[in-house]
Amino acid sequence: MLLATAQIFALHLGFLLTQLGQLSQIDWHGDRGLSFFQLGLRQLHCLCYQGLPIPPLRPLPRINPPPAYASRRKRQALSFQIEFSRVTVFSV
């Protein structure tokens, strides 16, 4: 139960970073997009290292937060991907 609570807290910090637009403070590499969990863990590590207080938990939004992209270039590369799928037609 303690691990589940810690995971939820890290996810919440990752969501909070995305909403506030502070991804560049945690993930400064241009081609890497970290998950909300990894963003939250890194933010928690930074706060503990600097001796800063952990922000209070706020209610999560009802809609999904936007995906966490490390840079505009990464966002463009992922949003303009071409995906192919095989179409199978069954005759009756």
PDB file of N, CA and C in Angstrom:
ATOM      1  N   MET A   1       0.825  -1.184   0.000  1.00  0.00           N
ATOM      2  CA  MET A   1       0.000   0.000   0.000  1.00  0.00           C
ATOM      3  C   MET A   1       0.873   1.254   0.000  1.00  0.00           C
ATOM      4  N   LEU A   2       1.985   1.170   0.706  1.00  0.00           N
ATOM      5  CA  LEU A   2       2.892   2.312   0.750  1.00  0.00           C
ATOM      6  C   LEU A   2       3.505   2.573  -0.626  1.00  0.00           C
ATOM      7  N   LEU A   3       3.862   1.516  -1.343  1.00  0.00           N
ATOM      8  CA  LEU A   3       4.417   1.684  -2.685  1.00  0.00           C
ATOM      9  C   LEU A   3       3.390   2.250  -3.656  1.00  0.00           C
ATOM     10  N   ALA A   4       2.156   1.820  -3.532  1.00  0.00           N
ATOM     11  CA  ALA A   4       1.101   2.346  -4.397  1.00  0.00           C
ATOM     12  C   ALA A   4       0.880   3.835  -4.128  1.00  0.00           C
ATOM     13  N   THR A   5       0.922   4.222  -2.877  1.00  0.00           N
ATOM     14  CA  THR A   5       0.761   5.630  -2.519  1.00  0.00           C
ATOM     15  C   THR A   5       1.924   6.454  -3.069  1.00  0.00           C
ATOM     16  N   ALA A   6       3.131   5.933  -2.970  1.00  0.00           N
ATOM     17  CA  ALA A   6       4.299   6.639  -3.498  1.00  0.00           C
ATOM     18  C   ALA A   6       4.213   6.781  -5.013  1.00  0.00           C
ATOM     19  N   GLN A   7       3.718   5.756  -5.684  1.00  0.00           N
ATOM     20  CA  GLN A   7       3.584   5.825  -7.136  1.00  0.00           C
ATOM     21  C   GLN A   7       2.537   6.865  -7.535  1.00  0.00           C
ATOM     22  N   ILE A   8       1.436   6.904  -6.840  1.00  0.00           N
ATOM     23  CA  ILE A   8       0.400   7.894  -7.135  1.00  0.00           C
ATOM     24  C   ILE A   8       0.929   9.301  -6.889  1.00  0.00           C
ATOM     25  N   PHE A   9       1.700   9.464  -5.816  1.00  0.00           N
ATOM     26  CA  PHE A   9       2.266  10.778  -5.517  1.00  0.00           C
ATOM     27  C   PHE A   9       3.241  11.220  -6.608  1.00  0.00           C
ATOM     28  N   ALA A  10       4.084  10.300  -7.102  1.00  0.00           N
ATOM     29  CA  ALA A  10       5.018  10.636  -8.176  1.00  0.00           C
ATOM     30  C   ALA A  10       4.263  10.982  -9.461  1.00  0.00           C
ATOM     31  N   LEU A  11       3.220  10.239  -9.773  1.00  0.00           N
ATOM     32  CA  LEU A  11       2.402  10.556 -10.951  1.00  0.00           C
ATOM     33  C   LEU A  11       1.768  11.935 -10.815  1.00  0.00           C
ATOM     34  N   HIS A  12       1.306  12.233  -9.620  1.00  0.00           N
ATOM     35  CA  HIS A  12       0.671  13.535  -9.379  1.00  0.00           C
ATOM     36  C   HIS A  12       1.675  14.668  -9.587  1.00  0.00           C
ATOM     37  N   LEU A  13       2.897  14.493  -9.115  1.00  0.00           N
ATOM     38  CA  LEU A  13       3.925  15.514  -9.341  1.00  0.00           C
ATOM     39  C   LEU A  13       4.229  15.666 -10.827  1.00  0.00           C
ATOM     40  N   GLY A  14       4.244  14.562 -11.570  1.00  0.00           N
ATOM     41  CA  GLY A  14       4.462  14.626 -13.014  1.00  0.00           C
ATOM     42  C   GLY A  14       3.348  15.368 -13.726  1.00  0.00           C
ATOM     43  N   PHE A  15       2.110  15.119 -13.330  1.00  0.00           N
ATOM     44  CA  PHE A  15       0.972  15.854 -13.900  1.00  0.00           C
ATOM     45  C   PHE A  15       1.091  17.340 -13.584  1.00  0.00           C
ATOM     46  N   LEU A  16       1.475  17.648 -12.359  1.00  0.00           N
ATOM     47  CA  LEU A  16       1.590  19.040 -11.933  1.00  0.00           C
ATOM     48  C   LEU A  16       2.664  19.769 -12.739  1.00  0.00           C
ATOM     49  N   LEU A  17       3.792  19.109 -12.980  1.00  0.00           N
ATOM     50  CA  LEU A  17       4.846  19.716 -13.798  1.00  0.00           C
ATOM     51  C   LEU A  17       4.363  20.005 -15.212  1.00  0.00           C
ATOM     52  N   THR A  18       3.609  19.081 -15.767  1.00  0.00           N
ATOM     53  CA  THR A  18       3.093  19.266 -17.121  1.00  0.00           C
ATOM     54  C   THR A  18       2.107  20.421 -17.182  1.00  0.00           C
ATOM     55  N   GLN A  19       1.233  20.515 -16.195  1.00  0.00           N
ATOM     56  CA  GLN A  19       0.245  21.591 -16.178  1.00  0.00           C
ATOM     57  C   GLN A  19       0.903  22.952 -16.015  1.00  0.00           C
ATOM     58  N   LEU A  20       1.966  23.021 -15.223  1.00  0.00           N
ATOM     59  CA  LEU A  20       2.648  24.296 -14.989  1.00  0.00           C
ATOM     60  C   LEU A  20       3.660  24.632 -16.074  1.00  0.00           C
ATOM     61  N   GLY A  21       3.921  23.693 -16.994  1.00  0.00           N
ATOM     62  CA  GLY A  21       4.855  23.937 -18.086  1.00  0.00           C
ATOM     63  C   GLY A  21       6.305  23.991 -17.638  1.00  0.00           C
ATOM     64  N   GLN A  22       6.684  23.209 -16.654  1.00  0.00           N
ATOM     65  CA  GLN A  22       8.037  23.232 -16.108  1.00  0.00           C
ATOM     66  C   GLN A  22       8.835  21.980 -16.483  1.00  0.00           C
ATOM     67  N   LEU A  23       8.535  21.391 -17.618  1.00  0.00           N
ATOM     68  CA  LEU A  23       9.234  20.168 -18.022  1.00  0.00           C
ATOM     69  C   LEU A  23      10.712  20.413 -18.293  1.00  0.00           C
ATOM     70  N   SER A  24      11.052  21.601 -18.792  1.00  0.00           N
ATOM     71  CA  SER A  24      12.450  21.856 -19.144  1.00  0.00           C
ATOM     72  C   SER A  24      13.357  21.897 -17.925  1.00  0.00           C
ATOM     73  N   GLN A  25      12.815  22.109 -16.742  1.00  0.00           N
ATOM     74  CA  GLN A  25      13.630  22.097 -15.526  1.00  0.00           C
ATOM     75  C   GLN A  25      14.053  20.689 -15.153  1.00  0.00           C
ATOM     76  N   ILE A  26      13.245  19.705 -15.491  1.00  0.00           N
ATOM     77  CA  ILE A  26      13.515  18.325 -15.111  1.00  0.00           C
ATOM     78  C   ILE A  26      14.123  17.535 -16.265  1.00  0.00           C
ATOM     79  N   ASP A  27      13.544  17.664 -17.450  1.00  0.00           N
ATOM     80  CA  ASP A  27      14.005  16.893 -18.612  1.00  0.00           C
ATOM     81  C   ASP A  27      14.464  17.871 -19.688  1.00  0.00           C
ATOM     82  N   TRP A  28      15.757  18.150 -19.731  1.00  0.00           N
ATOM     83  CA  TRP A  28      16.285  19.151 -20.646  1.00  0.00           C
ATOM     84  C   TRP A  28      16.810  18.542 -21.946  1.00  0.00           C
ATOM     85  N   HIS A  29      16.759  17.252 -22.090  1.00  0.00           N
ATOM     86  CA  HIS A  29      17.230  16.605 -23.315  1.00  0.00           C
ATOM     87  C   HIS A  29      16.170  16.759 -24.397  1.00  0.00           C
ATOM     88  N   GLY A  30      16.575  17.103 -25.606  1.00  0.00           N
ATOM     89  CA  GLY A  30      15.630  17.432 -26.660  1.00  0.00           C
ATOM     90  C   GLY A  30      14.896  16.268 -27.282  1.00  0.00           C
ATOM     91  N   ASP A  31      15.459  15.067 -27.276  1.00  0.00           N
ATOM     92  CA  ASP A  31      14.837  13.950 -27.977  1.00  0.00           C
ATOM     93  C   ASP A  31      14.204  12.931 -27.049  1.00  0.00           C
ATOM     94  N   ARG A  32      14.112  13.220 -25.783  1.00  0.00           N
ATOM     95  CA  ARG A  32      13.611  12.222 -24.844  1.00  0.00           C
ATOM     96  C   ARG A  32      12.330  12.736 -24.207  1.00  0.00           C
ATOM     97  N   GLY A  33      11.326  11.899 -24.173  1.00  0.00           N
ATOM     98  CA  GLY A  33      10.096  12.230 -23.485  1.00  0.00           C
ATOM     99  C   GLY A  33       9.907  11.267 -22.325  1.00  0.00           C
ATOM    100  N   LEU A  34       9.947  11.786 -21.121  1.00  0.00           N
ATOM    101  CA  LEU A  34       9.808  10.934 -19.944  1.00  0.00           C
ATOM    102  C   LEU A  34       8.340  10.765 -19.584  1.00  0.00           C
ATOM    103  N   SER A  35       8.034   9.681 -18.903  1.00  0.00           N
ATOM    104  CA  SER A  35       6.671   9.443 -18.439  1.00  0.00           C
ATOM    105  C   SER A  35       6.367  10.362 -17.264  1.00  0.00           C
ATOM    106  N   PHE A  36       5.085  10.491 -16.936  1.00  0.00           N
ATOM    107  CA  PHE A  36       4.688  11.304 -15.790  1.00  0.00           C
ATOM    108  C   PHE A  36       5.318  10.766 -14.508  1.00  0.00           C
ATOM    109  N   PHE A  37       5.446   9.454 -14.417  1.00  0.00           N
ATOM    110  CA  PHE A  37       6.042   8.838 -13.237  1.00  0.00           C
ATOM    111  C   PHE A  37       7.510   9.244 -13.101  1.00  0.00           C
ATOM    112  N   GLN A  38       8.274   9.151 -14.194  1.00  0.00           N
ATOM    113  CA  GLN A  38       9.684   9.528 -14.156  1.00  0.00           C
ATOM    114  C   GLN A  38       9.853  11.018 -13.883  1.00  0.00           C
ATOM    115  N   LEU A  39       8.996  11.847 -14.471  1.00  0.00           N
ATOM    116  CA  LEU A  39       9.059  13.280 -14.194  1.00  0.00           C
ATOM    117  C   LEU A  39       8.820  13.563 -12.719  1.00  0.00           C
ATOM    118  N   GLY A  40       7.831  12.894 -12.144  1.00  0.00           N
ATOM    119  CA  GLY A  40       7.527  13.087 -10.730  1.00  0.00           C
ATOM    120  C   GLY A  40       8.647  12.626  -9.821  1.00  0.00           C
ATOM    121  N   LEU A  41       9.250  11.482 -10.141  1.00  0.00           N
ATOM    122  CA  LEU A  41      10.372  10.993  -9.335  1.00  0.00           C
ATOM    123  C   LEU A  41      11.558  11.959  -9.387  1.00  0.00           C
ATOM    124  N   ARG A  42      11.848  12.469 -10.563  1.00  0.00           N
ATOM    125  CA  ARG A  42      12.967  13.403 -10.690  1.00  0.00           C
ATOM    126  C   ARG A  42      12.681  14.715  -9.969  1.00  0.00           C
ATOM    127  N   GLN A  43      11.438  15.188 -10.036  1.00  0.00           N
ATOM    128  CA  GLN A  43      11.074  16.411  -9.324  1.00  0.00           C
ATOM    129  C   GLN A  43      11.173  16.195  -7.818  1.00  0.00           C
ATOM    130  N   LEU A  44      10.725  15.057  -7.340  1.00  0.00           N
ATOM    131  CA  LEU A  44      10.808  14.737  -5.912  1.00  0.00           C
ATOM    132  C   LEU A  44      12.265  14.673  -5.458  1.00  0.00           C
ATOM    133  N   HIS A  45      13.114  14.082  -6.282  1.00  0.00           N
ATOM    134  CA  HIS A  45      14.543  14.020  -5.964  1.00  0.00           C
ATOM    135  C   HIS A  45      15.138  15.427  -5.878  1.00  0.00           C
ATOM    136  N   CYS A  46      14.792  16.291  -6.829  1.00  0.00           N
ATOM    137  CA  CYS A  46      15.304  17.668  -6.816  1.00  0.00           C
ATOM    138  C   CYS A  46      14.837  18.429  -5.584  1.00  0.00           C
ATOM    139  N   LEU A  47      13.567  18.263  -5.229  1.00  0.00           N
ATOM    140  CA  LEU A  47      13.035  18.968  -4.055  1.00  0.00           C
ATOM    141  C   LEU A  47      13.724  18.507  -2.777  1.00  0.00           C
ATOM    142  N   CYS A  48      13.929  17.210  -2.662  1.00  0.00           N
ATOM    143  CA  CYS A  48      14.600  16.680  -1.468  1.00  0.00           C
ATOM    144  C   CYS A  48      16.056  17.131  -1.418  1.00  0.00           C
ATOM    145  N   TYR A  49      16.732  17.162  -2.554  1.00  0.00           N
ATOM    146  CA  TYR A  49      18.135  17.561  -2.607  1.00  0.00           C
ATOM    147  C   TYR A  49      18.301  19.033  -2.215  1.00  0.00           C
ATOM    148  N   GLN A  50      17.378  19.878  -2.675  1.00  0.00           N
ATOM    149  CA  GLN A  50      17.459  21.311  -2.398  1.00  0.00           C
ATOM    150  C   GLN A  50      16.842  21.682  -1.050  1.00  0.00           C
ATOM    151  N   GLY A  51      16.198  20.725  -0.398  1.00  0.00           N
ATOM    152  CA  GLY A  51      15.583  20.999   0.892  1.00  0.00           C
ATOM    153  C   GLY A  51      14.322  21.836   0.797  1.00  0.00           C
ATOM    154  N   LEU A  52      13.667  21.790  -0.344  1.00  0.00           N
ATOM    155  CA  LEU A  52      12.439  22.556  -0.553  1.00  0.00           C
ATOM    156  C   LEU A  52      11.235  21.732  -0.124  1.00  0.00           C
ATOM    157  N   PRO A  53      10.156  22.405   0.246  1.00  0.00           N
ATOM    158  CA  PRO A  53       8.959  21.644   0.644  1.00  0.00           C
ATOM    159  C   PRO A  53       8.290  20.986  -0.554  1.00  0.00           C
ATOM    160  N   ILE A  54       7.657  19.882  -0.298  1.00  0.00           N
ATOM    161  CA  ILE A  54       6.913  19.172  -1.327  1.00  0.00           C
ATOM    162  C   ILE A  54       5.567  19.876  -1.505  1.00  0.00           C
ATOM    163  N   PRO A  55       5.176  20.170  -2.750  1.00  0.00           N
ATOM    164  CA  PRO A  55       3.923  20.903  -2.951  1.00  0.00           C
ATOM    165  C   PRO A  55       2.726  20.091  -2.463  1.00  0.00           C
ATOM    166  N   PRO A  56       1.697  20.773  -1.973  1.00  0.00           N
ATOM    167  CA  PRO A  56       0.499  20.043  -1.520  1.00  0.00           C
ATOM    168  C   PRO A  56      -0.234  19.408  -2.690  1.00  0.00           C
ATOM    169  N   LEU A  57      -0.876  18.309  -2.422  1.00  0.00           N
ATOM    170  CA  LEU A  57      -1.643  17.620  -3.460  1.00  0.00           C
ATOM    171  C   LEU A  57      -2.907  18.406  -3.769  1.00  0.00           C
ATOM    172  N   ARG A  58      -3.190  18.513  -5.044  1.00  0.00           N
ATOM    173  CA  ARG A  58      -4.416  19.157  -5.499  1.00  0.00           C
ATOM    174  C   ARG A  58      -5.256  18.111  -6.211  1.00  0.00           C
ATOM    175  N   PRO A  59      -6.539  18.345  -6.337  1.00  0.00           N
ATOM    176  CA  PRO A  59      -7.362  17.380  -7.084  1.00  0.00           C
ATOM    177  C   PRO A  59      -6.886  17.289  -8.538  1.00  0.00           C
ATOM    178  N   LEU A  60      -6.869  16.078  -9.049  1.00  0.00           N
ATOM    179  CA  LEU A  60      -6.482  15.872 -10.443  1.00  0.00           C
ATOM    180  C   LEU A  60      -7.602  16.348 -11.359  1.00  0.00           C
ATOM    181  N   PRO A  61      -7.252  16.820 -12.555  1.00  0.00           N
ATOM    182  CA  PRO A  61      -8.292  17.274 -13.480  1.00  0.00           C
ATOM    183  C   PRO A  61      -9.154  16.106 -13.950  1.00  0.00           C
ATOM    184  N   ARG A  62     -10.365  16.408 -14.328  1.00  0.00           N
ATOM    185  CA  ARG A  62     -11.283  15.367 -14.799  1.00  0.00           C
ATOM    186  C   ARG A  62     -10.901  14.853 -16.186  1.00  0.00           C
ATOM    187  N   ILE A  63     -10.232  15.681 -16.963  1.00  0.00           N
ATOM    188  CA  ILE A  63      -9.799  15.261 -18.296  1.00  0.00           C
ATOM    189  C   ILE A  63      -8.327  14.857 -18.220  1.00  0.00           C
ATOM    190  N   ASN A  64      -7.896  14.063 -19.158  1.00  0.00           N
ATOM    191  CA  ASN A  64      -6.505  13.628 -19.185  1.00  0.00           C
ATOM    192  C   ASN A  64      -5.584  14.806 -19.452  1.00  0.00           C
ATOM    193  N   PRO A  65      -4.442  14.857 -18.772  1.00  0.00           N
ATOM    194  CA  PRO A  65      -3.491  15.929 -19.067  1.00  0.00           C
ATOM    195  C   PRO A  65      -2.857  15.701 -20.427  1.00  0.00           C
ATOM    196  N   PRO A  66      -2.308  16.754 -21.010  1.00  0.00           N
ATOM    197  CA  PRO A  66      -1.649  16.564 -22.306  1.00  0.00           C
ATOM    198  C   PRO A  66      -0.428  15.674 -22.153  1.00  0.00           C
ATOM    199  N   PRO A  67      -0.020  14.999 -23.225  1.00  0.00           N
ATOM    200  CA  PRO A  67       1.175  14.153 -23.135  1.00  0.00           C
ATOM    201  C   PRO A  67       2.401  14.979 -22.769  1.00  0.00           C
ATOM    202  N   ALA A  68       3.328  14.360 -22.078  1.00  0.00           N
ATOM    203  CA  ALA A  68       4.555  15.040 -21.667  1.00  0.00           C
ATOM    204  C   ALA A  68       5.609  14.872 -22.758  1.00  0.00           C
ATOM    205  N   TYR A  69       5.941  15.957 -23.438  1.00  0.00           N
ATOM    206  CA  TYR A  69       6.975  15.956 -24.460  1.00  0.00           C
ATOM    207  C   TYR A  69       8.148  16.776 -23.951  1.00  0.00           C
ATOM    208  N   ALA A  70       9.340  16.324 -24.245  1.00  0.00           N
ATOM    209  CA  ALA A  70      10.533  17.017 -23.774  1.00  0.00           C
ATOM    210  C   ALA A  70      10.790  18.300 -24.560  1.00  0.00           C
ATOM    211  N   SER A  71      10.365  18.354 -25.809  1.00  0.00           N
ATOM    212  CA  SER A  71      10.645  19.532 -26.626  1.00  0.00           C
ATOM    213  C   SER A  71       9.599  19.651 -27.725  1.00  0.00           C
ATOM    214  N   ARG A  72       9.604  20.788 -28.396  1.00  0.00           N
ATOM    215  CA  ARG A  72       8.698  20.982 -29.534  1.00  0.00           C
ATOM    216  C   ARG A  72       9.061  20.051 -30.682  1.00  0.00           C
ATOM    217  N   ARG A  73      10.355  19.840 -30.859  1.00  0.00           N
ATOM    218  CA  ARG A  73      10.810  18.947 -31.929  1.00  0.00           C
ATOM    219  C   ARG A  73      10.316  17.523 -31.696  1.00  0.00           C
ATOM    220  N   LYS A  74      10.371  17.069 -30.456  1.00  0.00           N
ATOM    221  CA  LYS A  74       9.884  15.722 -30.125  1.00  0.00           C
ATOM    222  C   LYS A  74       8.369  15.643 -30.326  1.00  0.00           C
ATOM    223  N   ARG A  75       7.648  16.691 -29.939  1.00  0.00           N
ATOM    224  CA  ARG A  75       6.198  16.716 -30.121  1.00  0.00           C
ATOM    225  C   ARG A  75       5.840  16.631 -31.595  1.00  0.00           C
ATOM    226  N   GLN A  76       6.548  17.386 -32.440  1.00  0.00           N
ATOM    227  CA  GLN A  76       6.279  17.346 -33.876  1.00  0.00           C
ATOM    228  C   GLN A  76       6.620  15.985 -34.467  1.00  0.00           C
ATOM    229  N   ALA A  77       7.708  15.405 -34.019  1.00  0.00           N
ATOM    230  CA  ALA A  77       8.107  14.104 -34.555  1.00  0.00           C
ATOM    231  C   ALA A  77       7.088  13.025 -34.202  1.00  0.00           C
ATOM    232  N   LEU A  78       6.534  13.084 -32.999  1.00  0.00           N
ATOM    233  CA  LEU A  78       5.573  12.059 -32.592  1.00  0.00           C
ATOM    234  C   LEU A  78       4.171  12.308 -33.138  1.00  0.00           C
ATOM    235  N   SER A  79       3.820  13.573 -33.375  1.00  0.00           N
ATOM    236  CA  SER A  79       2.467  13.820 -33.862  1.00  0.00           C
ATOM    237  C   SER A  79       2.334  13.633 -35.369  1.00  0.00           C
ATOM    238  N   PHE A  80       3.440  13.585 -36.090  1.00  0.00           N
ATOM    239  CA  PHE A  80       3.371  13.409 -37.529  1.00  0.00           C
ATOM    240  C   PHE A  80       3.873  12.032 -37.962  1.00  0.00           C
ATOM    241  N   GLN A  81       3.725  11.055 -37.105  1.00  0.00           N
ATOM    242  CA  GLN A  81       4.119   9.704 -37.467  1.00  0.00           C
ATOM    243  C   GLN A  81       3.068   9.095 -38.390  1.00  0.00           C
ATOM    244  N   ILE A  82       3.539   8.303 -39.312  1.00  0.00           N
ATOM    245  CA  ILE A  82       2.640   7.588 -40.208  1.00  0.00           C
ATOM    246  C   ILE A  82       2.558   6.154 -39.715  1.00  0.00           C
ATOM    247  N   GLU A  83       1.356   5.691 -39.508  1.00  0.00           N
ATOM    248  CA  GLU A  83       1.168   4.324 -39.049  1.00  0.00           C
ATOM    249  C   GLU A  83       0.434   3.533 -40.120  1.00  0.00           C
ATOM    250  N   PHE A  84       0.895   2.328 -40.348  1.00  0.00           N
ATOM    251  CA  PHE A  84       0.277   1.454 -41.325  1.00  0.00           C
ATOM    252  C   PHE A  84      -0.353   0.282 -40.590  1.00  0.00           C
ATOM    253  N   SER A  85      -1.449  -0.145 -41.093  1.00  0.00           N
ATOM    254  CA  SER A  85      -2.082  -1.334 -40.509  1.00  0.00           C
ATOM    255  C   SER A  85      -2.549  -2.223 -41.655  1.00  0.00           C
ATOM    256  N   ARG A  86      -2.646  -3.485 -41.374  1.00  0.00           N
ATOM    257  CA  ARG A  86      -3.070  -4.429 -42.380  1.00  0.00           C
ATOM    258  C   ARG A  86      -4.589  -4.549 -42.316  1.00  0.00           C
ATOM    259  N   VAL A  87      -5.216  -4.411 -43.439  1.00  0.00           N
ATOM    260  CA  VAL A  87      -6.666  -4.519 -43.515  1.00  0.00           C
ATOM    261  C   VAL A  87      -7.016  -5.913 -44.004  1.00  0.00           C
ATOM    262  N   THR A  88      -7.821  -6.598 -43.238  1.00  0.00           N
ATOM    263  CA  THR A  88      -8.247  -7.937 -43.602  1.00  0.00           C
ATOM    264  C   THR A  88      -9.743  -7.899 -43.927  1.00  0.00           C
ATOM    265  N   VAL A  89     -10.092  -8.383 -45.100  1.00  0.00           N
ATOM    266  CA  VAL A  89     -11.488  -8.393 -45.531  1.00  0.00           C
ATOM    267  C   VAL A  89     -11.974  -9.833 -45.533  1.00  0.00           C
ATOM    268  N   PHE A  90     -13.052 -10.073 -44.853  1.00  0.00           N
ATOM    269  CA  PHE A  90     -13.651 -11.395 -44.814  1.00  0.00           C
ATOM    270  C   PHE A  90     -14.848 -11.421 -45.745  1.00  0.00           C
ATOM    271  N   SER A  91     -14.914 -12.418 -46.582  1.00  0.00           N
ATOM    272  CA  SER A  91     -16.080 -12.527 -47.459  1.00  0.00           C
ATOM    273  C   SER A  91     -17.088 -13.489 -46.819  1.00  0.00           C
ATOM    274  N   VAL A  92     -18.320 -13.156 -46.947  1.00  0.00           N
ATOM    275  CA  VAL A  92     -19.368 -13.970 -46.315  1.00  0.00           C
ATOM    276  C   VAL A  92     -20.000 -14.884 -47.319  1.00  0.00           C
TER     277      VAL A  92
END
